[in-house]
C-alpha cells in the first residue's frame, strides 16, 4: 500500500508551497499562484538549503520582508542597517533589474519570479 505524501513542514502563513525534503519536489497548496523568490546557492546556508520561496506579495519590498521573516539569518545579507537593500545584492524581477523598474516599491503579480544575485568579488593580485 502506498501512503499519501504529507509534507514534513510548510512555509506557515505566507507561502503556498510545501517542500518534500526527501525528493525536493514542490506541491501547490491552495488556489492562488504566488511570487517565487529564487535563493542563490551562497544564501542557502541561511535557508536550510531551500532553493526558492513562494509567497503572496504585492511589491518587491513586501516579498523581501516575507523572505527575511521566514529566514531571519538571511536578513543581514539582504538589508543594511538603514533597512535598504544591500549595495552588493542585485535583485531582478522576471530577469529585469529592479533599479530600472522603480526599486523595491515596484509591483509584483502572481507568477512573477524574483531573483537575488549577490555580487561576489575576489581573485588574486
PDB file of N, CA and C in Angstrom:
ATOM      1  N   UNK A   1       0.842  -1.176   0.000  1.00  0.00           N
ATOM      2  CA  UNK A   1       0.000   0.000   0.000  1.00  0.00           C
ATOM      3  C   UNK A   1       0.888   1.240   0.000  1.00  0.00           C
ATOM      4  N   UNK A   2       0.566   2.211  -0.837  1.00  0.00           N
ATOM      5  CA  UNK A   2       1.312   3.453  -0.915  1.00  0.00           C
ATOM      6  C   UNK A   2       0.645   4.478  -0.016  1.00  0.00           C
ATOM      7  N   UNK A   3       1.439   5.044   0.883  1.00  0.00           N
ATOM      8  CA  UNK A   3       0.908   6.070   1.771  1.00  0.00           C
ATOM      9  C   UNK A   3       0.895   7.404   1.049  1.00  0.00           C
ATOM     10  N   UNK A   4      -0.120   8.225   1.257  1.00  0.00           N
ATOM     11  CA  UNK A   4      -0.136   9.549   0.617  1.00  0.00           C
ATOM     12  C   UNK A   4       0.993  10.396   1.160  1.00  0.00           C
ATOM     13  N   UNK A   5       1.543  11.241   0.271  1.00  0.00           N
ATOM     14  CA  UNK A   5       2.635  12.108   0.667  1.00  0.00           C
ATOM     15  C   UNK A   5       2.118  13.222   1.548  1.00  0.00           C
ATOM     16  N   UNK A   6       2.796  13.440   2.646  1.00  0.00           N
ATOM     17  CA  UNK A   6       2.479  14.550   3.533  1.00  0.00           C
ATOM     18  C   UNK A   6       3.763  15.317   3.793  1.00  0.00           C
ATOM     19  N   UNK A   7       3.717  16.640   3.689  1.00  0.00           N
ATOM     20  CA  UNK A   7       4.933  17.411   3.932  1.00  0.00           C
ATOM     21  C   UNK A   7       5.356  17.320   5.381  1.00  0.00           C
ATOM     22  N   UNK A   8       6.652  17.384   5.605  1.00  0.00           N
ATOM     23  CA  UNK A   8       7.162  17.379   6.971  1.00  0.00           C
ATOM     24  C   UNK A   8       7.092  18.768   7.586  1.00  0.00           C
ATOM     25  N   UNK A   9       7.129  19.779   6.763  1.00  0.00           N
ATOM     26  CA  UNK A   9       6.991  21.146   7.236  1.00  0.00           C
ATOM     27  C   UNK A   9       6.435  21.981   6.098  1.00  0.00           C
ATOM     28  N   UNK A  10       5.921  23.132   6.439  1.00  0.00           N
ATOM     29  CA  UNK A  10       5.386  24.017   5.407  1.00  0.00           C
ATOM     30  C   UNK A  10       5.825  25.442   5.721  1.00  0.00           C
ATOM     31  N   UNK A  11       5.641  26.311   4.759  1.00  0.00           N
ATOM     32  CA  UNK A  11       6.019  27.701   4.942  1.00  0.00           C
ATOM     33  C   UNK A  11       4.859  28.480   5.535  1.00  0.00           C
ATOM     34  N   UNK A  12       4.480  28.144   6.683  1.00  0.00           N
ATOM     35  CA  UNK A  12       3.495  28.778   7.522  1.00  0.00           C
ATOM     36  C   UNK A  12       2.474  29.656   6.813  1.00  0.00           C
ATOM     37  N   UNK A  13       2.328  30.921   7.193  1.00  0.00           N
ATOM     38  CA  UNK A  13       1.190  31.704   6.750  1.00  0.00           C
ATOM     39  C   UNK A  13       1.323  32.340   5.380  1.00  0.00           C
ATOM     40  N   UNK A  14       2.540  32.546   4.861  1.00  0.00           N
ATOM     41  CA  UNK A  14       2.693  33.295   3.634  1.00  0.00           C
ATOM     42  C   UNK A  14       2.721  32.437   2.377  1.00  0.00           C
ATOM     43  N   UNK A  15       3.182  31.251   2.490  1.00  0.00           N
ATOM     44  CA  UNK A  15       3.551  30.513   1.295  1.00  0.00           C
ATOM     45  C   UNK A  15       2.514  29.495   0.896  1.00  0.00           C
ATOM     46  N   UNK A  16       2.499  29.195  -0.388  1.00  0.00           N
ATOM     47  CA  UNK A  16       1.532  28.283  -0.955  1.00  0.00           C
ATOM     48  C   UNK A  16       2.141  26.951  -1.343  1.00  0.00           C
ATOM     49  N   UNK A  17       3.414  26.756  -1.041  1.00  0.00           N
ATOM     50  CA  UNK A  17       4.073  25.507  -1.397  1.00  0.00           C
ATOM     51  C   UNK A  17       4.633  24.840  -0.161  1.00  0.00           C
ATOM     52  N   UNK A  18       4.686  23.530  -0.223  1.00  0.00           N
ATOM     53  CA  UNK A  18       5.396  22.759   0.780  1.00  0.00           C
ATOM     54  C   UNK A  18       6.558  22.086   0.073  1.00  0.00           C
ATOM     55  N   UNK A  19       7.617  21.873   0.784  1.00  0.00           N
ATOM     56  CA  UNK A  19       8.767  21.189   0.209  1.00  0.00           C
ATOM     57  C   UNK A  19       8.836  19.810   0.817  1.00  0.00           C
ATOM     58  N   UNK A  20       8.985  18.833  -0.042  1.00  0.00           N
ATOM     59  CA  UNK A  20       9.197  17.472   0.428  1.00  0.00           C
ATOM     60  C   UNK A  20      10.703  17.281   0.546  1.00  0.00           C
ATOM     61  N   UNK A  21      11.247  17.187   1.771  1.00  0.00           N
ATOM     62  CA  UNK A  21      12.693  17.104   1.917  1.00  0.00           C
ATOM     63  C   UNK A  21      13.279  15.846   1.293  1.00  0.00           C
ATOM     64  N   UNK A  22      12.485  14.801   1.152  1.00  0.00           N
ATOM     65  CA  UNK A  22      13.008  13.544   0.616  1.00  0.00           C
ATOM     66  C   UNK A  22      13.291  13.611  -0.868  1.00  0.00           C
ATOM     67  N   UNK A  23      12.442  14.286  -1.623  1.00  0.00           N
ATOM     68  CA  UNK A  23      12.604  14.289  -3.070  1.00  0.00           C
ATOM     69  C   UNK A  23      12.827  15.678  -3.639  1.00  0.00           C
ATOM     70  N   UNK A  24      12.724  16.721  -2.813  1.00  0.00           N
ATOM     71  CA  UNK A  24      12.961  18.077  -3.286  1.00  0.00           C
ATOM     72  C   UNK A  24      11.898  18.577  -4.235  1.00  0.00           C
ATOM     73  N   UNK A  25      10.715  18.005  -4.188  1.00  0.00           N
ATOM     74  CA  UNK A  25       9.658  18.435  -5.094  1.00  0.00           C
ATOM     75  C   UNK A  25       8.725  19.404  -4.388  1.00  0.00           C
ATOM     76  N   UNK A  26       7.937  20.085  -5.181  1.00  0.00           N
ATOM     77  CA  UNK A  26       7.034  21.091  -4.648  1.00  0.00           C
ATOM     78  C   UNK A  26       5.598  20.688  -4.938  1.00  0.00           C
ATOM     79  N   UNK A  27       4.733  20.976  -4.009  1.00  0.00           N
ATOM     80  CA  UNK A  27       3.328  20.683  -4.175  1.00  0.00           C
ATOM     81  C   UNK A  27       2.541  21.943  -3.883  1.00  0.00           C
ATOM     82  N   UNK A  28       1.651  22.296  -4.781  1.00  0.00           N
ATOM     83  CA  UNK A  28       0.868  23.511  -4.608  1.00  0.00           C
ATOM     84  C   UNK A  28      -0.203  23.315  -3.547  1.00  0.00           C
ATOM     85  N   UNK A  29      -0.364  24.301  -2.697  1.00  0.00           N
ATOM     86  CA  UNK A  29      -1.408  24.296  -1.673  1.00  0.00           C
ATOM     87  C   UNK A  29      -2.275  25.511  -1.921  1.00  0.00           C
ATOM     88  N   UNK A  30      -3.550  25.338  -1.998  1.00  0.00           N
ATOM     89  CA  UNK A  30      -4.437  26.466  -2.227  1.00  0.00           C
ATOM     90  C   UNK A  30      -4.634  26.733  -3.709  1.00  0.00           C
ATOM     91  N   UNK A  31      -5.399  27.759  -4.018  1.00  0.00           N
ATOM     92  CA  UNK A  31      -5.783  28.038  -5.390  1.00  0.00           C
ATOM     93  C   UNK A  31      -4.895  29.049  -6.089  1.00  0.00           C
ATOM     94  N   UNK A  32      -4.274  29.943  -5.352  1.00  0.00           N
ATOM     95  CA  UNK A  32      -3.545  31.046  -5.958  1.00  0.00           C
ATOM     96  C   UNK A  32      -2.123  30.644  -6.349  1.00  0.00           C
ATOM     97  N   UNK A  33      -1.648  31.280  -7.416  1.00  0.00           N
ATOM     98  CA  UNK A  33      -0.232  31.179  -7.719  1.00  0.00           C
ATOM     99  C   UNK A  33       0.450  32.263  -6.895  1.00  0.00           C
ATOM    100  N   UNK A  34       1.721  32.121  -6.705  1.00  0.00           N
ATOM    101  CA  UNK A  34       2.425  33.065  -5.858  1.00  0.00           C
ATOM    102  C   UNK A  34       3.633  33.640  -6.581  1.00  0.00           C
ATOM    103  N   UNK A  35       4.257  34.619  -5.944  1.00  0.00           N
ATOM    104  CA  UNK A  35       5.514  35.179  -6.416  1.00  0.00           C
ATOM    105  C   UNK A  35       6.615  34.237  -5.931  1.00  0.00           C
ATOM    106  N   UNK A  36       7.537  33.871  -6.807  1.00  0.00           N
ATOM    107  CA  UNK A  36       8.620  32.966  -6.454  1.00  0.00           C
ATOM    108  C   UNK A  36       9.899  33.759  -6.247  1.00  0.00           C
ATOM    109  N   UNK A  37      10.524  33.584  -5.092  1.00  0.00           N
ATOM    110  CA  UNK A  37      11.819  34.182  -4.810  1.00  0.00           C
ATOM    111  C   UNK A  37      12.847  33.071  -4.939  1.00  0.00           C
ATOM    112  N   UNK A  38      13.769  33.222  -5.880  1.00  0.00           N
ATOM    113  CA  UNK A  38      14.821  32.233  -6.076  1.00  0.00           C
ATOM    114  C   UNK A  38      16.020  32.626  -5.232  1.00  0.00           C
ATOM    115  N   UNK A  39      16.464  31.698  -4.406  1.00  0.00           N
ATOM    116  CA  UNK A  39      17.526  31.966  -3.442  1.00  0.00           C
ATOM    117  C   UNK A  39      18.839  31.407  -3.985  1.00  0.00           C
ATOM    118  N   UNK A  40      19.865  32.251  -4.098  1.00  0.00           N
ATOM    119  CA  UNK A  40      21.143  31.779  -4.649  1.00  0.00           C
ATOM    120  C   UNK A  40      21.834  30.783  -3.714  1.00  0.00           C
ATOM    121  N   UNK A  41      22.678  29.964  -4.290  1.00  0.00           N
ATOM    122  CA  UNK A  41      23.392  28.947  -3.524  1.00  0.00           C
ATOM    123  C   UNK A  41      24.153  29.545  -2.352  1.00  0.00           C
ATOM    124  N   UNK A  42      24.751  30.704  -2.534  1.00  0.00           N
ATOM    125  CA  UNK A  42      25.521  31.343  -1.466  1.00  0.00           C
ATOM    126  C   UNK A  42      24.669  31.677  -0.241  1.00  0.00           C
ATOM    127  N   UNK A  43      23.370  31.860  -0.413  1.00  0.00           N
ATOM    128  CA  UNK A  43      22.481  32.203   0.701  1.00  0.00           C
ATOM    129  C   UNK A  43      21.751  30.990   1.274  1.00  0.00           C
ATOM    130  N   UNK A  44      21.854  29.849   0.655  1.00  0.00           N
ATOM    131  CA  UNK A  44      21.058  28.693   1.091  1.00  0.00           C
ATOM    132  C   UNK A  44      21.466  28.142   2.444  1.00  0.00           C
ATOM    133  N   UNK A  45      22.661  28.478   2.908  1.00  0.00           N
ATOM    134  CA  UNK A  45      23.039  28.036   4.254  1.00  0.00           C
ATOM    135  C   UNK A  45      22.201  28.750   5.308  1.00  0.00           C
ATOM    136  N   UNK A  46      21.588  29.869   4.948  1.00  0.00           N
ATOM    137  CA  UNK A  46      20.717  30.607   5.867  1.00  0.00           C
ATOM    138  C   UNK A  46      19.250  30.197   5.719  1.00  0.00           C
ATOM    139  N   UNK A  47      18.952  29.370   4.712  1.00  0.00           N
ATOM    140  CA  UNK A  47      17.572  28.935   4.466  1.00  0.00           C
ATOM    141  C   UNK A  47      17.429  27.421   4.594  1.00  0.00           C
ATOM    142  N   UNK A  48      18.372  26.789   5.269  1.00  0.00           N
ATOM    143  CA  UNK A  48      18.383  25.327   5.424  1.00  0.00           C
ATOM    144  C   UNK A  48      18.345  24.614   4.079  1.00  0.00           C
ATOM    145  N   UNK A  49      18.986  25.209   3.079  1.00  0.00           N
ATOM    146  CA  UNK A  49      19.077  24.586   1.767  1.00  0.00           C
ATOM    147  C   UNK A  49      17.896  24.836   0.856  1.00  0.00           C
ATOM    148  N   UNK A  50      16.928  25.615   1.297  1.00  0.00           N
ATOM    149  CA  UNK A  50      15.743  25.892   0.488  1.00  0.00           C
ATOM    150  C   UNK A  50      16.125  26.722  -0.738  1.00  0.00           C
ATOM    151  N   UNK A  51      15.851  26.229  -1.968  1.00  0.00           N
ATOM    152  CA  UNK A  51      16.257  26.943  -3.178  1.00  0.00           C
ATOM    153  C   UNK A  51      15.306  28.046  -3.610  1.00  0.00           C
ATOM    154  N   UNK A  52      14.058  27.985  -3.175  1.00  0.00           N
ATOM    155  CA  UNK A  52      13.098  29.019  -3.565  1.00  0.00           C
ATOM    156  C   UNK A  52      11.989  29.105  -2.535  1.00  0.00           C
ATOM    157  N   UNK A  53      11.363  30.253  -2.523  1.00  0.00           N
ATOM    158  CA  UNK A  53      10.265  30.507  -1.596  1.00  0.00           C
ATOM    159  C   UNK A  53       9.134  31.138  -2.382  1.00  0.00           C
ATOM    160  N   UNK A  54       7.964  30.571  -2.293  1.00  0.00           N
ATOM    161  CA  UNK A  54       6.789  31.142  -2.950  1.00  0.00           C
ATOM    162  C   UNK A  54       5.970  31.864  -1.900  1.00  0.00           C
ATOM    163  N   UNK A  55       5.570  33.084  -2.201  1.00  0.00           N
ATOM    164  CA  UNK A  55       4.846  33.890  -1.228  1.00  0.00           C
ATOM    165  C   UNK A  55       3.847  34.799  -1.935  1.00  0.00           C
ATOM    166  N   UNK A  56       2.921  35.313  -1.178  1.00  0.00           N
ATOM    167  CA  UNK A  56       1.967  36.292  -1.695  1.00  0.00           C
ATOM    168  C   UNK A  56       2.456  37.676  -1.293  1.00  0.00           C
ATOM    169  N   UNK A  57       2.813  38.477  -2.279  1.00  0.00           N
ATOM    170  CA  UNK A  57       3.313  39.827  -2.025  1.00  0.00           C
ATOM    171  C   UNK A  57       2.822  40.730  -3.141  1.00  0.00           C
ATOM    172  N   UNK A  58       2.786  42.035  -2.864  1.00  0.00           N
ATOM    173  CA  UNK A  58       2.358  42.990  -3.889  1.00  0.00           C
ATOM    174  C   UNK A  58       3.515  43.845  -4.394  1.00  0.00           C
ATOM    175  N   UNK A  59       4.626  43.899  -3.621  1.00  0.00           N
ATOM    176  CA  UNK A  59       5.804  44.651  -4.039  1.00  0.00           C
ATOM    177  C   UNK A  59       7.060  43.829  -3.751  1.00  0.00           C
ATOM    178  N   UNK A  60       8.173  44.242  -4.331  1.00  0.00           N
ATOM    179  CA  UNK A  60       9.459  43.598  -4.047  1.00  0.00           C
ATOM    180  C   UNK A  60       9.782  43.733  -2.558  1.00  0.00           C
ATOM    181  N   UNK A  61       9.547  44.910  -1.986  1.00  0.00           N
ATOM    182  CA  UNK A  61       9.831  45.139  -0.561  1.00  0.00           C
ATOM    183  C   UNK A  61       9.073  44.143   0.309  1.00  0.00           C
ATOM    184  N   UNK A  62       7.805  43.944   0.003  1.00  0.00           N
ATOM    185  CA  UNK A  62       6.994  43.010   0.780  1.00  0.00           C
ATOM    186  C   UNK A  62       7.507  41.577   0.618  1.00  0.00           C
ATOM    187  N   UNK A  63       7.885  41.207  -0.600  1.00  0.00           N
ATOM    188  CA  UNK A  63       8.419  39.863  -0.843  1.00  0.00           C
ATOM    189  C   UNK A  63       9.709  39.648  -0.049  1.00  0.00           C
ATOM    190  N   UNK A  64      10.597  40.653  -0.044  1.00  0.00           N
ATOM    191  CA  UNK A  64      11.840  40.525   0.712  1.00  0.00           C
ATOM    192  C   UNK A  64      11.576  40.478   2.216  1.00  0.00           C
ATOM    193  N   UNK A  65      10.584  41.217   2.678  1.00  0.00           N
ATOM    194  CA  UNK A  65      10.225  41.161   4.104  1.00  0.00           C
ATOM    195  C   UNK A  65       9.707  39.783   4.488  1.00  0.00           C
ATOM    196  N   UNK A  66       8.908  39.185   3.626  1.00  0.00           N
ATOM    197  CA  UNK A  66       8.413  37.832   3.884  1.00  0.00           C
ATOM    198  C   UNK A  66       9.588  36.856   3.929  1.00  0.00           C
ATOM    199  N   UNK A  67      10.504  36.998   2.983  1.00  0.00           N
ATOM    200  CA  UNK A  67      11.684  36.134   2.938  1.00  0.00           C
ATOM    201  C   UNK A  67      12.504  36.246   4.226  1.00  0.00           C
ATOM    202  N   UNK A  68      12.773  37.479   4.659  1.00  0.00           N
ATOM    203  CA  UNK A  68      13.599  37.654   5.856  1.00  0.00           C
ATOM    204  C   UNK A  68      12.845  37.322   7.146  1.00  0.00           C
ATOM    205  N   UNK A  69      11.519  37.411   7.134  1.00  0.00           N
ATOM    206  CA  UNK A  69      10.740  36.941   8.283  1.00  0.00           C
ATOM    207  C   UNK A  69      10.813  35.420   8.391  1.00  0.00           C
ATOM    208  N   UNK A  70      10.760  34.764   7.240  1.00  0.00           N
ATOM    209  CA  UNK A  70      10.807  33.299   7.207  1.00  0.00           C
ATOM    210  C   UNK A  70      12.197  32.785   7.569  1.00  0.00           C
ATOM    211  N   UNK A  71      13.237  33.500   7.133  1.00  0.00           N
ATOM    212  CA  UNK A  71      14.621  33.096   7.373  1.00  0.00           C
ATOM    213  C   UNK A  71      15.385  34.269   7.985  1.00  0.00           C
ATOM    214  N   UNK A  72      15.282  34.480   9.289  1.00  0.00           N
ATOM    215  CA  UNK A  72      15.901  35.640   9.937  1.00  0.00           C
ATOM    216  C   UNK A  72      17.418  35.724   9.742  1.00  0.00           C
ATOM    217  N   UNK A  73      18.098  34.613   9.611  1.00  0.00           N
ATOM    218  CA  UNK A  73      19.540  34.625   9.411  1.00  0.00           C
ATOM    219  C   UNK A  73      19.949  35.264   8.099  1.00  0.00           C
ATOM    220  N   UNK A  74      19.032  35.324   7.171  1.00  0.00           N
ATOM    221  CA  UNK A  74      19.288  35.902   5.854  1.00  0.00           C
ATOM    222  C   UNK A  74      19.152  37.428   5.862  1.00  0.00           C
ATOM    223  N   UNK A  75      18.500  37.955   6.868  1.00  0.00           N
ATOM    224  CA  UNK A  75      18.168  39.373   6.931  1.00  0.00           C
ATOM    225  C   UNK A  75      19.368  40.292   6.756  1.00  0.00           C
ATOM    226  N   UNK A  76      20.454  40.029   7.447  1.00  0.00           N
ATOM    227  CA  UNK A  76      21.618  40.918   7.379  1.00  0.00           C
ATOM    228  C   UNK A  76      22.333  40.849   6.038  1.00  0.00           C
ATOM    229  N   UNK A  77      22.033  39.829   5.244  1.00  0.00           N
ATOM    230  CA  UNK A  77      22.639  39.711   3.913  1.00  0.00           C
ATOM    231  C   UNK A  77      21.776  40.369   2.838  1.00  0.00           C
ATOM    232  N   UNK A  78      20.527  40.664   3.181  1.00  0.00           N
ATOM    233  CA  UNK A  78      19.601  41.282   2.229  1.00  0.00           C
ATOM    234  C   UNK A  78      19.509  42.790   2.453  1.00  0.00           C
ATOM    235  N   UNK A  79      19.434  43.213   3.706  1.00  0.00           N
ATOM    236  CA  UNK A  79      19.265  44.638   4.022  1.00  0.00           C
ATOM    237  C   UNK A  79      20.396  45.134   4.917  1.00  0.00           C
ATOM    238  N   UNK A  80      20.737  46.422   4.760  1.00  0.00           N
ATOM    239  CA  UNK A  80      21.755  47.033   5.609  1.00  0.00           C
ATOM    240  C   UNK A  80      21.117  47.582   6.884  1.00  0.00           C
ATOM    241  N   UNK A  81      21.895  48.291   7.692  1.00  0.00           N
ATOM    242  CA  UNK A  81      21.399  48.819   8.970  1.00  0.00           C
ATOM    243  C   UNK A  81      20.296  49.853   8.809  1.00  0.00           C
ATOM    244  N   UNK A  82      20.248  50.524   7.659  1.00  0.00           N
ATOM    245  CA  UNK A  82      19.208  51.518   7.399  1.00  0.00           C
ATOM    246  C   UNK A  82      17.951  50.886   6.781  1.00  0.00           C
ATOM    247  N   UNK A  83      17.970  49.578   6.573  1.00  0.00           N
ATOM    248  CA  UNK A  83      16.816  48.892   6.009  1.00  0.00           C
ATOM    249  C   UNK A  83      16.771  48.881   4.488  1.00  0.00           C
ATOM    250  N   UNK A  84      17.824  49.359   3.850  1.00  0.00           N
ATOM    251  CA  UNK A  84      17.892  49.379   2.393  1.00  0.00           C
ATOM    252  C   UNK A  84      18.471  48.060   1.881  1.00  0.00           C
ATOM    253  N   UNK A  85      18.136  47.713   0.631  1.00  0.00           N
ATOM    254  CA  UNK A  85      18.728  46.530   0.020  1.00  0.00           C
ATOM    255  C   UNK A  85      20.235  46.754  -0.051  1.00  0.00           C
ATOM    256  N   UNK A  86      20.999  45.762   0.321  1.00  0.00           N
ATOM    257  CA  UNK A  86      22.457  45.890   0.332  1.00  0.00           C
ATOM    258  C   UNK A  86      22.988  46.279  -1.041  1.00  0.00           C
ATOM    259  N   UNK A  87      24.031  47.083  -1.035  1.00  0.00           N
ATOM    260  CA  UNK A  87      24.613  47.619  -2.261  1.00  0.00           C
ATOM    261  C   UNK A  87      25.086  46.514  -3.202  1.00  0.00           C
ATOM    262  N   UNK A  88      25.593  45.435  -2.649  1.00  0.00           N
ATOM    263  CA  UNK A  88      26.142  44.378  -3.483  1.00  0.00           C
ATOM    264  C   UNK A  88      25.185  43.214  -3.686  1.00  0.00           C
ATOM    265  N   UNK A  89      23.892  43.455  -3.492  1.00  0.00           N
ATOM    266  CA  UNK A  89      22.872  42.460  -3.791  1.00  0.00           C
ATOM    267  C   UNK A  89      22.023  42.993  -4.939  1.00  0.00           C
ATOM    268  N   UNK A  90      22.052  42.297  -6.034  1.00  0.00           N
ATOM    269  CA  UNK A  90      21.229  42.674  -7.185  1.00  0.00           C
ATOM    270  C   UNK A  90      19.929  41.889  -7.127  1.00  0.00           C
ATOM    271  N   UNK A  91      18.822  42.572  -7.341  1.00  0.00           N
ATOM    272  CA  UNK A  91      17.505  41.944  -7.301  1.00  0.00           C
ATOM    273  C   UNK A  91      16.867  42.108  -8.671  1.00  0.00           C
ATOM    274  N   UNK A  92      16.395  41.000  -9.213  1.00  0.00           N
ATOM    275  CA  UNK A  92      15.778  41.004 -10.539  1.00  0.00           C
ATOM    276  C   UNK A  92      14.338  40.531 -10.433  1.00  0.00           C
ATOM    277  N   UNK A  93      13.480  41.186 -11.187  1.00  0.00           N
ATOM    278  CA  UNK A  93      12.088  40.776 -11.304  1.00  0.00           C
ATOM    279  C   UNK A  93      11.884  40.323 -12.743  1.00  0.00           C
ATOM    280  N   UNK A  94      11.630  39.046 -12.920  1.00  0.00           N
ATOM    281  CA  UNK A  94      11.462  38.467 -14.260  1.00  0.00           C
ATOM    282  C   UNK A  94      12.629  38.855 -15.183  1.00  0.00           C
ATOM    283  N   UNK A  95      13.849  38.696 -14.664  1.00  0.00           N
ATOM    284  CA  UNK A  95      15.092  38.949 -15.400  1.00  0.00           C
ATOM    285  C   UNK A  95      15.364  40.423 -15.700  1.00  0.00           C
ATOM    286  N   UNK A  96      14.641  41.322 -15.039  1.00  0.00           N
ATOM    287  CA  UNK A  96      14.838  42.767 -15.214  1.00  0.00           C
ATOM    288  C   UNK A  96      15.298  43.343 -13.875  1.00  0.00           C
ATOM    289  N   UNK A  97      16.391  44.089 -13.879  1.00  0.00           N
ATOM    290  CA  UNK A  97      16.934  44.680 -12.660  1.00  0.00           C
ATOM    291  C   UNK A  97      15.906  45.660 -12.077  1.00  0.00           C
ATOM    292  N   UNK A  98      15.601  45.508 -10.777  1.00  0.00           N
ATOM    293  CA  UNK A  98      14.559  46.353 -10.174  1.00  0.00           C
ATOM    294  C   UNK A  98      14.960  47.814 -10.110  1.00  0.00           C
ATOM    295  N   UNK A  99      16.246  48.121 -10.229  1.00  0.00           N
ATOM    296  CA  UNK A  99      16.677  49.530 -10.225  1.00  0.00           C
ATOM    297  C   UNK A  99      16.087  50.281 -11.412  1.00  0.00           C
ATOM    298  N   UNK A 100      15.777  49.558 -12.483  1.00  0.00           N
ATOM    299  CA  UNK A 100      15.191  50.178 -13.672  1.00  0.00           C
ATOM    300  C   UNK A 100      13.670  50.051 -13.699  1.00  0.00           C
ATOM    301  N   UNK A 101      13.108  49.429 -12.658  1.00  0.00           N
ATOM    302  CA  UNK A 101      11.654  49.235 -12.575  1.00  0.00           C
ATOM    303  C   UNK A 101      11.022  50.033 -11.442  1.00  0.00           C
ATOM    304  N   UNK A 102      11.816  50.856 -10.767  1.00  0.00           N
ATOM    305  CA  UNK A 102      11.272  51.654  -9.668  1.00  0.00           C
ATOM    306  C   UNK A 102      11.752  51.215  -8.303  1.00  0.00           C
ATOM    307  N   UNK A 103      12.759  50.359  -8.250  1.00  0.00           N
ATOM    308  CA  UNK A 103      13.293  49.924  -6.964  1.00  0.00           C
ATOM    309  C   UNK A 103      12.413  48.910  -6.276  1.00  0.00           C
ATOM    310  N   UNK A 104      12.566  48.835  -4.958  1.00  0.00           N
ATOM    311  CA  UNK A 104      11.831  47.802  -4.225  1.00  0.00           C
ATOM    312  C   UNK A 104      10.340  48.107  -4.075  1.00  0.00           C
ATOM    313  N   UNK A 105       9.909  49.277  -4.519  1.00  0.00           N
ATOM    314  CA  UNK A 105       8.484  49.604  -4.486  1.00  0.00           C
ATOM    315  C   UNK A 105       7.739  49.117  -5.730  1.00  0.00           C
ATOM    316  N   UNK A 106       8.462  48.532  -6.689  1.00  0.00           N
ATOM    317  CA  UNK A 106       7.783  48.094  -7.910  1.00  0.00           C
ATOM    318  C   UNK A 106       6.842  46.919  -7.597  1.00  0.00           C
ATOM    319  N   UNK A 107       5.733  46.897  -8.298  1.00  0.00           N
ATOM    320  CA  UNK A 107       4.687  45.909  -8.049  1.00  0.00           C
ATOM    321  C   UNK A 107       5.052  44.551  -8.628  1.00  0.00           C
ATOM    322  N   UNK A 108       4.617  43.514  -7.932  1.00  0.00           N
ATOM    323  CA  UNK A 108       4.754  42.147  -8.419  1.00  0.00           C
ATOM    324  C   UNK A 108       3.362  41.541  -8.516  1.00  0.00           C
ATOM    325  N   UNK A 109       3.254  40.553  -9.375  1.00  0.00           N
ATOM    326  CA  UNK A 109       1.959  39.881  -9.529  1.00  0.00           C
ATOM    327  C   UNK A 109       2.154  38.378  -9.471  1.00  0.00           C
ATOM    328  N   UNK A 110       1.083  37.679  -9.379  1.00  0.00           N
ATOM    329  CA  UNK A 110       1.117  36.238  -9.300  1.00  0.00           C
ATOM    330  C   UNK A 110       1.870  35.650 -10.490  1.00  0.00           C
ATOM    331  N   UNK A 111       2.780  34.741 -10.212  1.00  0.00           N
ATOM    332  CA  UNK A 111       3.563  34.104 -11.255  1.00  0.00           C
ATOM    333  C   UNK A 111       4.905  34.761 -11.523  1.00  0.00           C
ATOM    334  N   UNK A 112       5.158  35.944 -10.947  1.00  0.00           N
ATOM    335  CA  UNK A 112       6.435  36.625 -11.140  1.00  0.00           C
ATOM    336  C   UNK A 112       7.558  35.877 -10.421  1.00  0.00           C
ATOM    337  N   UNK A 113       8.779  36.065 -10.933  1.00  0.00           N
ATOM    338  CA  UNK A 113       9.961  35.470 -10.308  1.00  0.00           C
ATOM    339  C   UNK A 113      10.907  36.572  -9.872  1.00  0.00           C
ATOM    340  N   UNK A 114      11.319  36.499  -8.621  1.00  0.00           N
ATOM    341  CA  UNK A 114      12.285  37.426  -8.050  1.00  0.00           C
ATOM    342  C   UNK A 114      13.583  36.653  -7.853  1.00  0.00           C
ATOM    343  N   UNK A 115      14.662  37.169  -8.401  1.00  0.00           N
ATOM    344  CA  UNK A 115      15.953  36.503  -8.314  1.00  0.00           C
ATOM    345  C   UNK A 115      16.924  37.387  -7.540  1.00  0.00           C
ATOM    346  N   UNK A 116      17.561  36.819  -6.526  1.00  0.00           N
ATOM    347  CA  UNK A 116      18.571  37.528  -5.748  1.00  0.00           C
ATOM    348  C   UNK A 116      19.939  37.105  -6.265  1.00  0.00           C
ATOM    349  N   UNK A 117      20.779  38.081  -6.617  1.00  0.00           N
ATOM    350  CA  UNK A 117      22.111  37.776  -7.126  1.00  0.00           C
ATOM    351  C   UNK A 117      23.134  38.586  -6.341  1.00  0.00           C
ATOM    352  N   UNK A 118      23.853  37.933  -5.413  1.00  0.00           N
ATOM    353  CA  UNK A 118      24.881  38.660  -4.681  1.00  0.00           C
ATOM    354  C   UNK A 118      26.114  38.857  -5.554  1.00  0.00           C
ATOM    355  N   UNK A 119      26.697  40.052  -5.485  1.00  0.00           N
ATOM    356  CA  UNK A 119      27.946  40.303  -6.197  1.00  0.00           C
ATOM    357  C   UNK A 119      29.060  39.646  -5.402  1.00  0.00           C
ATOM    358  N   UNK A 120      29.898  38.913  -6.093  1.00  0.00           N
ATOM    359  CA  UNK A 120      30.997  38.230  -5.434  1.00  0.00           C
ATOM    360  C   UNK A 120      32.290  38.707  -6.067  1.00  0.00           C
ATOM    361  N   UNK A 121      33.174  39.203  -5.232  1.00  0.00           N
ATOM    362  CA  UNK A 121      34.460  39.702  -5.712  1.00  0.00           C
ATOM    363  C   UNK A 121      35.568  38.815  -5.161  1.00  0.00           C
ATOM    364  N   UNK A 122      36.679  38.882  -5.788  1.00  0.00           N
ATOM    365  CA  UNK A 122      37.803  38.103  -5.296  1.00  0.00           C
ATOM    366  C   UNK A 122      38.811  37.880  -6.390  1.00  0.00           C
ATOM    367  N   UNK A 123      39.726  37.017  -6.130  1.00  0.00           N
ATOM    368  CA  UNK A 123      40.772  36.726  -7.085  1.00  0.00           C
ATOM    369  C   UNK A 123      42.120  37.038  -6.460  1.00  0.00           C
ATOM    370  N   UNK A 124      43.121  37.000  -7.261  1.00  0.00           N
ATOM    371  CA  UNK A 124      44.453  37.297  -6.747  1.00  0.00           C
ATOM    372  C   UNK A 124      45.033  38.497  -7.477  1.00  0.00           C
ATOM    373  N   UNK A 125      45.913  39.164  -6.803  1.00  0.00           N
ATOM    374  CA  UNK A 125      46.514  40.374  -7.367  1.00  0.00           C
ATOM    375  C   UNK A 125      47.753  40.061  -8.151  1.00  0.00           C
TER     376      UNK A 125
END
